[in-house]
Each structure stands twice: as C-alpha cells, then as structure tokens.
Protein backbone atom coordinates (compact mmCIF):
# COMPACT_ATOMS: atom_id res chain seq x y z
CA MET A 1 151.96 50.01 102.56
CA THR A 2 154.68 51.81 104.64
CA ALA A 3 156.52 55.03 103.71
CA ARG A 4 158.93 57.43 105.41
CA VAL A 5 158.04 61.16 105.55
CA GLY A 6 160.99 62.92 106.96
CA ALA A 7 161.88 61.07 110.16
CA VAL A 8 158.39 59.63 110.59
CA LEU A 9 157.50 56.24 109.38
CA MET A 10 153.99 56.32 107.96
CA ARG A 11 151.67 53.41 107.27
CA SER A 12 148.77 53.47 104.86
CA VAL A 13 145.49 52.36 106.29
CA HIS A 14 142.06 51.79 104.62
CA MET A 15 139.09 53.51 106.26
CA THR A 16 135.39 53.24 105.46
CA LEU A 17 133.64 56.50 105.87
CA GLY A 18 130.10 57.77 104.95
CA GLN A 19 129.88 60.10 101.89
CA ASP A 20 128.58 62.95 104.05
CA LEU A 21 131.72 62.77 106.25
CA VAL A 22 134.08 62.54 103.24
CA SER A 23 132.27 65.55 101.59
CA ALA A 24 132.65 67.57 104.77
CA VAL A 25 136.25 66.66 105.22
CA ASP A 26 136.97 67.52 101.61
CA ARG A 27 135.37 71.03 102.00
CA VAL A 28 137.48 71.67 105.09
CA VAL A 29 140.78 70.41 103.72
CA LYS A 30 140.36 72.49 100.71
CA ARG A 31 139.68 75.55 102.86
CA LEU A 32 142.69 74.72 105.07
CA GLY A 33 145.00 73.91 102.15
CA THR A 34 145.92 70.51 103.63
CA SER A 35 145.23 66.89 102.69
CA ARG A 36 142.72 64.33 104.00
CA SER A 37 145.53 62.32 105.60
CA ALA A 38 147.00 65.38 107.41
CA PHE A 39 143.55 66.41 108.60
CA ALA A 40 142.76 62.83 109.80
CA ARG A 41 146.14 62.53 111.54
CA ASN A 42 145.56 65.83 113.33
CA ALA A 43 141.95 64.78 114.34
CA LEU A 44 143.17 61.40 115.63
CA ARG A 45 146.01 63.01 117.58
CA GLU A 46 143.66 65.48 119.15
CA THR A 47 141.07 62.82 120.02
CA LEU A 48 143.67 60.55 121.54
CA ASN A 49 145.01 63.52 123.57
CA LYS A 50 141.46 64.36 124.84
CA LEU A 51 140.91 60.72 125.83
CA SER A 52 144.23 60.81 127.65
CA VAL A 53 143.32 64.01 129.65
CA THR A 54 139.82 62.57 130.35
CA GLU A 55 141.39 59.36 131.77
CA LEU A 56 143.81 61.36 133.87
CA GLU A 57 140.96 63.51 135.25
CA ARG A 58 138.92 60.45 136.03
CA LYS A 59 141.89 58.84 137.94
CA HIS A 60 142.40 62.13 139.78
CA ARG A 61 138.72 62.32 140.74
CA ASP A 62 138.62 58.68 141.77
CA GLY A 63 141.77 59.24 143.92
CA TYR A 64 140.09 62.10 145.82
CA THR A 65 136.99 60.04 146.14
CA ARG A 66 138.91 57.10 147.70
CA LYS A 67 140.96 59.45 149.90
CA PRO A 68 139.39 62.89 150.35
CA VAL A 69 141.42 65.88 151.41
CA ALA A 70 141.93 65.93 155.27
CA PRO A 71 140.88 69.13 157.01
CA THR A 72 144.48 69.75 158.08
CA GLU A 73 146.02 68.80 154.71
CA PHE A 74 146.08 72.41 153.53
CA SER A 75 146.56 74.06 156.93
CA VAL A 76 147.36 77.60 155.96
CA GLY A 77 144.41 79.61 157.30
CA GLU A 78 142.42 82.12 155.14
CA SER A 79 143.80 85.00 157.17
CA GLU A 80 147.30 83.97 155.98
CA HIS A 81 146.57 84.11 152.33
CA LEU A 82 147.35 87.13 150.30
CA TRP A 83 144.67 87.43 147.61
CA GLY A 84 145.91 90.66 146.00
CA ASP A 85 142.80 92.56 146.88
CA GLN A 86 143.85 93.90 150.31
CA HIS A 87 144.09 97.40 148.89
CA LEU A 88 140.37 97.51 147.90
CA ARG A 89 138.08 99.27 150.26
CA PRO A 90 134.25 98.85 150.50
CA ALA A 91 132.43 101.41 148.31
CA ARG A 92 130.90 104.31 150.28
CA CYS A 93 127.27 104.91 150.07
CA ALA A 94 126.19 108.45 149.11
C-alpha cells in the first residue's frame, strides 16, 4: 500500500518483530507521544546514517593505510604553530 504524507510518498511494509521488542517500542512511543511508524522511520534513518559514516571512516582509514602521510606533507614545523597557550608560564615552586 502506498500513501502520500505531505510531499513524501510512503509505502506500507510488513515487519515481523518479537513481542519483547514490540512491547519496548510501544512503551517508548507512548512516552514520546509518537507512533510506531514514526519511531521506526527515525531509528532506520539513524542506523542508515551510522552505517554510512562507518563506511566513510573505513574508506578514509584504508586510504591512509594504502598511502600514509609523507613526512613533508604537513611541513609547517611545531615552532610555527600558534596553539593559544603562549601566554601561560610554568608555575613557580614555593
């Protein structure tokens, strides 16, 4: 079944869930004042986003494994960095 909610086309899907999960979701949606469907949509979106971020992080890590940073790639020396703590002086001993 397909329905339109505002500008979004929604499709009804059948899911099989354990009774313990359904009960836990029902308690949460009642407390949040939302519906099972809205809760499930949000949980699915968040999980898909986390998976996407995890995949991007893996690709990033793999890239640096294949081609590590060269010693001269970031050539600005430590003495040229301004870390914002130059005004701090070592504590004096009494």
